[in-house]
PDB file of all heavy atoms in Angstrom:
ATOM      1  N   ASN A   1     106.388 118.910  53.239  1.00  0.00           N
ATOM      2  CA  ASN A   1     107.719 118.780  52.660  1.00  0.00           C
ATOM      3  C   ASN A   1     107.636 118.564  51.135  1.00  0.00           C
ATOM      4  O   ASN A   1     108.538 119.015  50.405  1.00  0.00           O
ATOM      5  CB  ASN A   1     108.452 117.587  53.300  1.00  0.00           C
ATOM      6  CG  ASN A   1     108.856 117.865  54.729  1.00  0.00           C
ATOM      7  OD1 ASN A   1     109.127 119.020  55.088  1.00  0.00           O
ATOM      8  ND2 ASN A   1     108.917 116.834  55.540  1.00  0.00           N
ATOM      9  N   ALA A   2     106.592 117.905  50.656  1.00  0.00           N
ATOM     10  CA  ALA A   2     106.469 117.657  49.240  1.00  0.00           C
ATOM     11  C   ALA A   2     106.292 118.938  48.471  1.00  0.00           C
ATOM     12  O   ALA A   2     106.699 119.070  47.327  1.00  0.00           O
ATOM     13  CB  ALA A   2     105.296 116.722  48.976  1.00  0.00           C
ATOM     14  N   LYS A   3     105.681 119.934  49.100  1.00  0.00           N
ATOM     15  CA  LYS A   3     105.428 121.244  48.438  1.00  0.00           C
ATOM     16  C   LYS A   3     106.426 122.307  48.883  1.00  0.00           C
ATOM     17  O   LYS A   3     106.321 123.457  48.434  1.00  0.00           O
ATOM     18  CB  LYS A   3     104.021 121.714  48.737  1.00  0.00           C
ATOM     19  CG  LYS A   3     102.942 120.812  48.200  1.00  0.00           C
ATOM     20  CD  LYS A   3     101.579 121.370  48.483  1.00  0.00           C
ATOM     21  CE  LYS A   3     100.448 120.505  47.916  1.00  0.00           C
ATOM     22  NZ  LYS A   3      99.113 121.024  48.215  1.00  0.00           N
ATOM     23  N   ASN A   4     107.387 121.946  49.750  1.00  0.00           N
ATOM     24  CA  ASN A   4     108.316 122.919  50.275  1.00  0.00           C
ATOM     25  C   ASN A   4     107.649 124.140  50.866  1.00  0.00           C
ATOM     26  O   ASN A   4     108.040 125.284  50.610  1.00  0.00           O
ATOM     27  CB  ASN A   4     109.342 123.315  49.217  1.00  0.00           C
ATOM     28  CG  ASN A   4     110.136 122.139  48.702  1.00  0.00           C
ATOM     29  OD1 ASN A   4     110.622 121.316  49.487  1.00  0.00           O
ATOM     30  ND2 ASN A   4     110.249 122.024  47.372  1.00  0.00           N
ATOM     31  N   THR A   5     106.627 123.893  51.636  1.00  0.00           N
ATOM     32  CA  THR A   5     105.749 124.962  52.109  1.00  0.00           C
ATOM     33  C   THR A   5     105.522 124.825  53.607  1.00  0.00           C
ATOM     34  O   THR A   5     105.333 123.718  54.137  1.00  0.00           O
ATOM     35  CB  THR A   5     104.408 124.958  51.375  1.00  0.00           C
ATOM     36  OG1 THR A   5     104.627 125.155  49.976  1.00  0.00           O
ATOM     37  CG2 THR A   5     103.506 126.068  51.918  1.00  0.00           C
ATOM     38  N   VAL A   6     105.559 125.960  54.322  1.00  0.00           N
ATOM     39  CA  VAL A   6     105.236 125.977  55.746  1.00  0.00           C
ATOM     40  C   VAL A   6     103.970 126.846  55.909  1.00  0.00           C
ATOM     41  O   VAL A   6     103.768 127.786  55.170  1.00  0.00           O
ATOM     42  CB  VAL A   6     106.410 126.529  56.575  1.00  0.00           C
ATOM     43  CG1 VAL A   6     106.697 127.974  56.221  1.00  0.00           C
ATOM     44  CG2 VAL A   6     106.134 126.387  58.062  1.00  0.00           C
ATOM     45  N   TYR A   7     103.141 126.446  56.850  1.00  0.00           N
ATOM     46  CA  TYR A   7     101.876 127.098  57.088  1.00  0.00           C
ATOM     47  C   TYR A   7     101.779 127.653  58.486  1.00  0.00           C
ATOM     48  O   TYR A   7     102.428 127.127  59.422  1.00  0.00           O
ATOM     49  CB  TYR A   7     100.688 126.128  56.865  1.00  0.00           C
ATOM     50  CG  TYR A   7     100.676 125.489  55.498  1.00  0.00           C
ATOM     51  CD1 TYR A   7     101.264 124.237  55.301  1.00  0.00           C
ATOM     52  CD2 TYR A   7     100.096 126.136  54.404  1.00  0.00           C
ATOM     53  CE1 TYR A   7     101.239 123.656  54.060  1.00  0.00           C
ATOM     54  CE2 TYR A   7     100.064 125.542  53.178  1.00  0.00           C
ATOM     55  CZ  TYR A   7     100.635 124.291  53.001  1.00  0.00           C
ATOM     56  OH  TYR A   7     100.624 123.719  51.751  1.00  0.00           O
ATOM     57  N   LEU A   8     100.960 128.653  58.683  1.00  0.00           N
ATOM     58  CA  LEU A   8     100.647 129.152  60.014  1.00  0.00           C
ATOM     59  C   LEU A   8      99.124 129.299  60.076  1.00  0.00           C
ATOM     60  O   LEU A   8      98.548 130.187  59.450  1.00  0.00           O
ATOM     61  CB  LEU A   8     101.344 130.500  60.282  1.00  0.00           C
ATOM     62  CG  LEU A   8     101.085 131.072  61.695  1.00  0.00           C
ATOM     63  CD1 LEU A   8     101.813 130.254  62.704  1.00  0.00           C
ATOM     64  CD2 LEU A   8     101.562 132.545  61.732  1.00  0.00           C
ATOM     65  N   GLN A   9      98.508 128.402  60.856  1.00  0.00           N
ATOM     66  CA  GLN A   9      97.086 128.494  61.111  1.00  0.00           C
ATOM     67  C   GLN A   9      96.844 129.402  62.316  1.00  0.00           C
ATOM     68  O   GLN A   9      97.348 129.107  63.405  1.00  0.00           O
ATOM     69  CB  GLN A   9      96.504 127.093  61.372  1.00  0.00           C
ATOM     70  CG  GLN A   9      95.028 127.081  61.682  1.00  0.00           C
ATOM     71  CD  GLN A   9      94.163 127.477  60.507  1.00  0.00           C
ATOM     72  OE1 GLN A   9      94.453 127.052  59.366  1.00  0.00           O
ATOM     73  NE2 GLN A   9      93.143 128.283  60.760  1.00  0.00           N
ATOM     74  N   MET A  10      96.121 130.476  62.106  1.00  0.00           N
ATOM     75  CA  MET A  10      95.895 131.468  63.125  1.00  0.00           C
ATOM     76  C   MET A  10      94.416 131.489  63.507  1.00  0.00           C
ATOM     77  O   MET A  10      93.565 131.843  62.661  1.00  0.00           O
ATOM     78  CB  MET A  10      96.352 132.849  62.676  1.00  0.00           C
ATOM     79  CG  MET A  10      97.801 132.940  62.225  1.00  0.00           C
ATOM     80  SD  MET A  10      98.321 134.596  61.835  1.00  0.00           S
ATOM     81  CE  MET A  10      97.301 134.942  60.402  1.00  0.00           C
ATOM     82  N   ASN A  11      94.098 131.089  64.707  1.00  0.00           N
ATOM     83  CA  ASN A  11      92.730 131.069  65.191  1.00  0.00           C
ATOM     84  C   ASN A  11      92.530 132.109  66.290  1.00  0.00           C
ATOM     85  O   ASN A  11      93.490 132.565  66.913  1.00  0.00           O
ATOM     86  CB  ASN A  11      92.387 129.676  65.749  1.00  0.00           C
ATOM     87  CG  ASN A  11      92.452 128.606  64.719  1.00  0.00           C
ATOM     88  OD1 ASN A  11      92.157 128.808  63.537  1.00  0.00           O
ATOM     89  ND2 ASN A  11      92.816 127.392  65.129  1.00  0.00           N
ATOM     90  N   SER A  12      91.268 132.463  66.489  1.00  0.00           N
ATOM     91  CA  SER A  12      90.933 133.438  67.543  1.00  0.00           C
ATOM     92  C   SER A  12      91.766 134.686  67.461  1.00  0.00           C
ATOM     93  O   SER A  12      92.361 135.149  68.445  1.00  0.00           O
ATOM     94  CB  SER A  12      91.051 132.774  68.924  1.00  0.00           C
ATOM     95  OG  SER A  12      90.252 131.627  69.049  1.00  0.00           O
ATOM     96  N   LEU A  13      91.848 135.276  66.302  1.00  0.00           N
ATOM     97  CA  LEU A  13      92.711 136.444  66.090  1.00  0.00           C
ATOM     98  C   LEU A  13      92.261 137.605  66.959  1.00  0.00           C
ATOM     99  O   LEU A  13      91.037 137.857  67.152  1.00  0.00           O
ATOM    100  CB  LEU A  13      92.697 136.814  64.620  1.00  0.00           C
ATOM    101  CG  LEU A  13      93.627 135.967  63.742  1.00  0.00           C
ATOM    102  CD1 LEU A  13      93.258 136.166  62.271  1.00  0.00           C
ATOM    103  CD2 LEU A  13      95.087 136.274  63.978  1.00  0.00           C
ATOM    104  N   LYS A  14      93.215 138.346  67.430  1.00  0.00           N
ATOM    105  CA  LYS A  14      92.992 139.522  68.294  1.00  0.00           C
ATOM    106  C   LYS A  14      93.587 140.745  67.616  1.00  0.00           C
ATOM    107  O   LYS A  14      94.476 140.616  66.794  1.00  0.00           O
ATOM    108  CB  LYS A  14      93.673 139.298  69.673  1.00  0.00           C
ATOM    109  CG  LYS A  14      93.211 138.056  70.410  1.00  0.00           C
ATOM    110  CD  LYS A  14      94.031 137.883  71.681  1.00  0.00           C
ATOM    111  CE  LYS A  14      93.630 136.622  72.411  1.00  0.00           C
ATOM    112  NZ  LYS A  14      94.445 136.442  73.657  1.00  0.00           N
ATOM    113  N   PRO A  15      93.110 141.927  67.979  1.00  0.00           N
ATOM    114  CA  PRO A  15      93.726 143.147  67.417  1.00  0.00           C
ATOM    115  C   PRO A  15      95.205 143.238  67.627  1.00  0.00           C
ATOM    116  O   PRO A  15      95.911 143.769  66.799  1.00  0.00           O
ATOM    117  CB  PRO A  15      92.964 144.259  68.169  1.00  0.00           C
ATOM    118  CG  PRO A  15      91.657 143.687  68.485  1.00  0.00           C
ATOM    119  CD  PRO A  15      91.919 142.238  68.805  1.00  0.00           C
ATOM    120  N   GLU A  16      95.720 142.695  68.768  1.00  0.00           N
ATOM    121  CA  GLU A  16      97.151 142.769  69.007  1.00  0.00           C
ATOM    122  C   GLU A  16      97.960 141.829  68.116  1.00  0.00           C
ATOM    123  O   GLU A  16      99.176 141.859  68.159  1.00  0.00           O
ATOM    124  CB  GLU A  16      97.440 142.449  70.502  1.00  0.00           C
ATOM    125  CG  GLU A  16      96.790 141.187  71.016  1.00  0.00           C
ATOM    126  CD  GLU A  16      95.511 141.440  71.734  1.00  0.00           C
ATOM    127  OE1 GLU A  16      94.699 142.265  71.288  1.00  0.00           O
ATOM    128  OE2 GLU A  16      95.298 140.813  72.820  1.00  0.00           O
ATOM    129  N   ASP A  17      97.267 140.986  67.325  1.00  0.00           N
ATOM    130  CA  ASP A  17      97.969 140.179  66.341  1.00  0.00           C
ATOM    131  C   ASP A  17      98.275 140.968  65.075  1.00  0.00           C
ATOM    132  O   ASP A  17      98.964 140.427  64.167  1.00  0.00           O
ATOM    133  CB  ASP A  17      97.144 138.952  65.979  1.00  0.00           C
ATOM    134  CG  ASP A  17      96.960 137.998  67.145  1.00  0.00           C
ATOM    135  OD1 ASP A  17      97.935 137.762  67.868  1.00  0.00           O
ATOM    136  OD2 ASP A  17      95.841 137.482  67.328  1.00  0.00           O
ATOM    137  N   THR A  18      97.795 142.173  64.973  1.00  0.00           N
ATOM    138  CA  THR A  18      98.017 143.011  63.780  1.00  0.00           C
ATOM    139  C   THR A  18      99.489 143.263  63.614  1.00  0.00           C
ATOM    140  O   THR A  18     100.168 143.769  64.509  1.00  0.00           O
ATOM    141  CB  THR A  18      97.248 144.326  63.879  1.00  0.00           C
ATOM    142  OG1 THR A  18      95.850 144.071  63.917  1.00  0.00           O
ATOM    143  CG2 THR A  18      97.572 145.229  62.716  1.00  0.00           C
ATOM    144  N   ALA A  19     100.030 142.890  62.443  1.00  0.00           N
ATOM    145  CA  ALA A  19     101.449 143.037  62.175  1.00  0.00           C
ATOM    146  C   ALA A  19     101.726 142.615  60.749  1.00  0.00           C
ATOM    147  O   ALA A  19     100.864 142.031  60.094  1.00  0.00           O
ATOM    148  CB  ALA A  19     102.258 142.188  63.152  1.00  0.00           C
ATOM    149  N   VAL A  20     102.945 142.873  60.301  1.00  0.00           N
ATOM    150  CA  VAL A  20     103.466 142.280  59.104  1.00  0.00           C
ATOM    151  C   VAL A  20     104.084 140.926  59.504  1.00  0.00           C
ATOM    152  O   VAL A  20     104.954 140.899  60.367  1.00  0.00           O
ATOM    153  CB  VAL A  20     104.492 143.159  58.391  1.00  0.00           C
ATOM    154  CG1 VAL A  20     105.036 142.436  57.143  1.00  0.00           C
ATOM    155  CG2 VAL A  20     103.842 144.497  57.968  1.00  0.00           C
ATOM    156  N   TYR A  21     103.664 139.891  58.873  1.00  0.00           N
ATOM    157  CA  TYR A  21     104.172 138.550  59.194  1.00  0.00           C
ATOM    158  C   TYR A  21     105.180 138.140  58.127  1.00  0.00           C
ATOM    159  O   TYR A  21     104.901 138.156  56.912  1.00  0.00           O
ATOM    160  CB  TYR A  21     103.011 137.529  59.220  1.00  0.00           C
ATOM    161  CG  TYR A  21     102.185 137.656  60.451  1.00  0.00           C
ATOM    162  CD1 TYR A  21     101.379 138.721  60.673  1.00  0.00           C
ATOM    163  CD2 TYR A  21     102.249 136.641  61.457  1.00  0.00           C
ATOM    164  CE1 TYR A  21     100.612 138.864  61.853  1.00  0.00           C
ATOM    165  CE2 TYR A  21     101.540 136.755  62.622  1.00  0.00           C
ATOM    166  CZ  TYR A  21     100.676 137.849  62.805  1.00  0.00           C
ATOM    167  OH  TYR A  21      99.956 137.970  63.965  1.00  0.00           O
ATOM    168  N   TYR A  22     106.357 137.768  58.603  1.00  0.00           N
ATOM    169  CA  TYR A  22     107.493 137.402  57.728  1.00  0.00           C
ATOM    170  C   TYR A  22     107.807 135.931  57.851  1.00  0.00           C
ATOM    171  O   TYR A  22     107.909 135.389  58.973  1.00  0.00           O
ATOM    172  CB  TYR A  22     108.742 138.196  58.127  1.00  0.00           C
ATOM    173  CG  TYR A  22     108.594 139.709  57.881  1.00  0.00           C
ATOM    174  CD1 TYR A  22     108.206 140.517  58.929  1.00  0.00           C
ATOM    175  CD2 TYR A  22     108.915 140.261  56.650  1.00  0.00           C
ATOM    176  CE1 TYR A  22     108.110 141.904  58.733  1.00  0.00           C
ATOM    177  CE2 TYR A  22     108.817 141.610  56.458  1.00  0.00           C
ATOM    178  CZ  TYR A  22     108.418 142.427  57.494  1.00  0.00           C
ATOM    179  OH  TYR A  22     108.329 143.801  57.306  1.00  0.00           O
ATOM    180  N   CYS A  23     107.963 135.294  56.721  1.00  0.00           N
ATOM    181  CA  CYS A  23     108.437 133.912  56.701  1.00  0.00           C
ATOM    182  C   CYS A  23     109.959 133.932  56.750  1.00  0.00           C
ATOM    183  O   CYS A  23     110.633 134.801  56.181  1.00  0.00           O
ATOM    184  CB  CYS A  23     107.949 133.219  55.400  1.00  0.00           C
ATOM    185  SG  CYS A  23     108.442 131.503  55.254  1.00  0.00           S
ATOM    186  N   ASN A  24     110.524 132.950  57.449  1.00  0.00           N
ATOM    187  CA  ASN A  24     111.967 132.863  57.666  1.00  0.00           C
ATOM    188  C   ASN A  24     112.436 131.431  57.379  1.00  0.00           C
ATOM    189  O   ASN A  24     111.747 130.466  57.665  1.00  0.00           O
ATOM    190  CB  ASN A  24     112.298 133.252  59.109  1.00  0.00           C
ATOM    191  CG  ASN A  24     113.588 132.620  59.628  1.00  0.00           C
ATOM    192  OD1 ASN A  24     113.512 131.655  60.407  1.00  0.00           O
ATOM    193  ND2 ASN A  24     114.702 133.113  59.164  1.00  0.00           N
ATOM    194  N   ALA A  25     113.613 131.355  56.792  1.00  0.00           N
ATOM    195  CA  ALA A  25     114.299 130.072  56.637  1.00  0.00           C
ATOM    196  C   ALA A  25     115.737 130.224  57.085  1.00  0.00           C
ATOM    197  O   ALA A  25     116.433 131.152  56.716  1.00  0.00           O
ATOM    198  CB  ALA A  25     114.261 129.631  55.158  1.00  0.00           C
ATOM    199  N   ASP A  26     116.185 129.279  57.919  1.00  0.00           N
ATOM    200  CA  ASP A  26     117.556 129.246  58.417  1.00  0.00           C
ATOM    201  C   ASP A  26     118.263 127.987  57.909  1.00  0.00           C
ATOM    202  O   ASP A  26     117.649 126.941  57.872  1.00  0.00           O
ATOM    203  CB  ASP A  26     117.588 129.244  59.946  1.00  0.00           C
ATOM    204  CG  ASP A  26     117.079 130.526  60.567  1.00  0.00           C
ATOM    205  OD1 ASP A  26     117.100 131.560  59.889  1.00  0.00           O
ATOM    206  OD2 ASP A  26     116.606 130.469  61.725  1.00  0.00           O
ATOM    207  N   LEU A  27     119.508 128.146  57.544  1.00  0.00           N
ATOM    208  CA  LEU A  27     120.261 126.976  57.116  1.00  0.00           C
ATOM    209  C   LEU A  27     121.744 127.098  57.534  1.00  0.00           C
ATOM    210  O   LEU A  27     122.239 128.194  57.791  1.00  0.00           O
ATOM    211  CB  LEU A  27     120.155 126.789  55.595  1.00  0.00           C
ATOM    212  CG  LEU A  27     120.720 127.864  54.649  1.00  0.00           C
ATOM    213  CD1 LEU A  27     122.207 127.618  54.382  1.00  0.00           C
ATOM    214  CD2 LEU A  27     119.928 127.867  53.359  1.00  0.00           C
ATOM    215  N   ILE A  28     122.367 125.949  57.699  1.00  0.00           N
ATOM    216  CA  ILE A  28     123.771 125.843  57.966  1.00  0.00           C
ATOM    217  C   ILE A  28     124.425 125.078  56.860  1.00  0.00           C
ATOM    218  O   ILE A  28     124.066 123.955  56.554  1.00  0.00           O
ATOM    219  CB  ILE A  28     124.041 125.161  59.339  1.00  0.00           C
ATOM    220  CG1 ILE A  28     123.353 125.923  60.459  1.00  0.00           C
ATOM    221  CG2 ILE A  28     125.507 125.032  59.582  1.00  0.00           C
ATOM    222  CD1 ILE A  28     123.457 125.227  61.826  1.00  0.00           C
TER     223      ILE A  28
END
């Protein structure tokens, strides 16, 4: 929260994980 940053730790990657990864933010 201090850095306003979200992370995604990806382990044991597989070929089927191949993709464009998009960050999303939702607000009301």
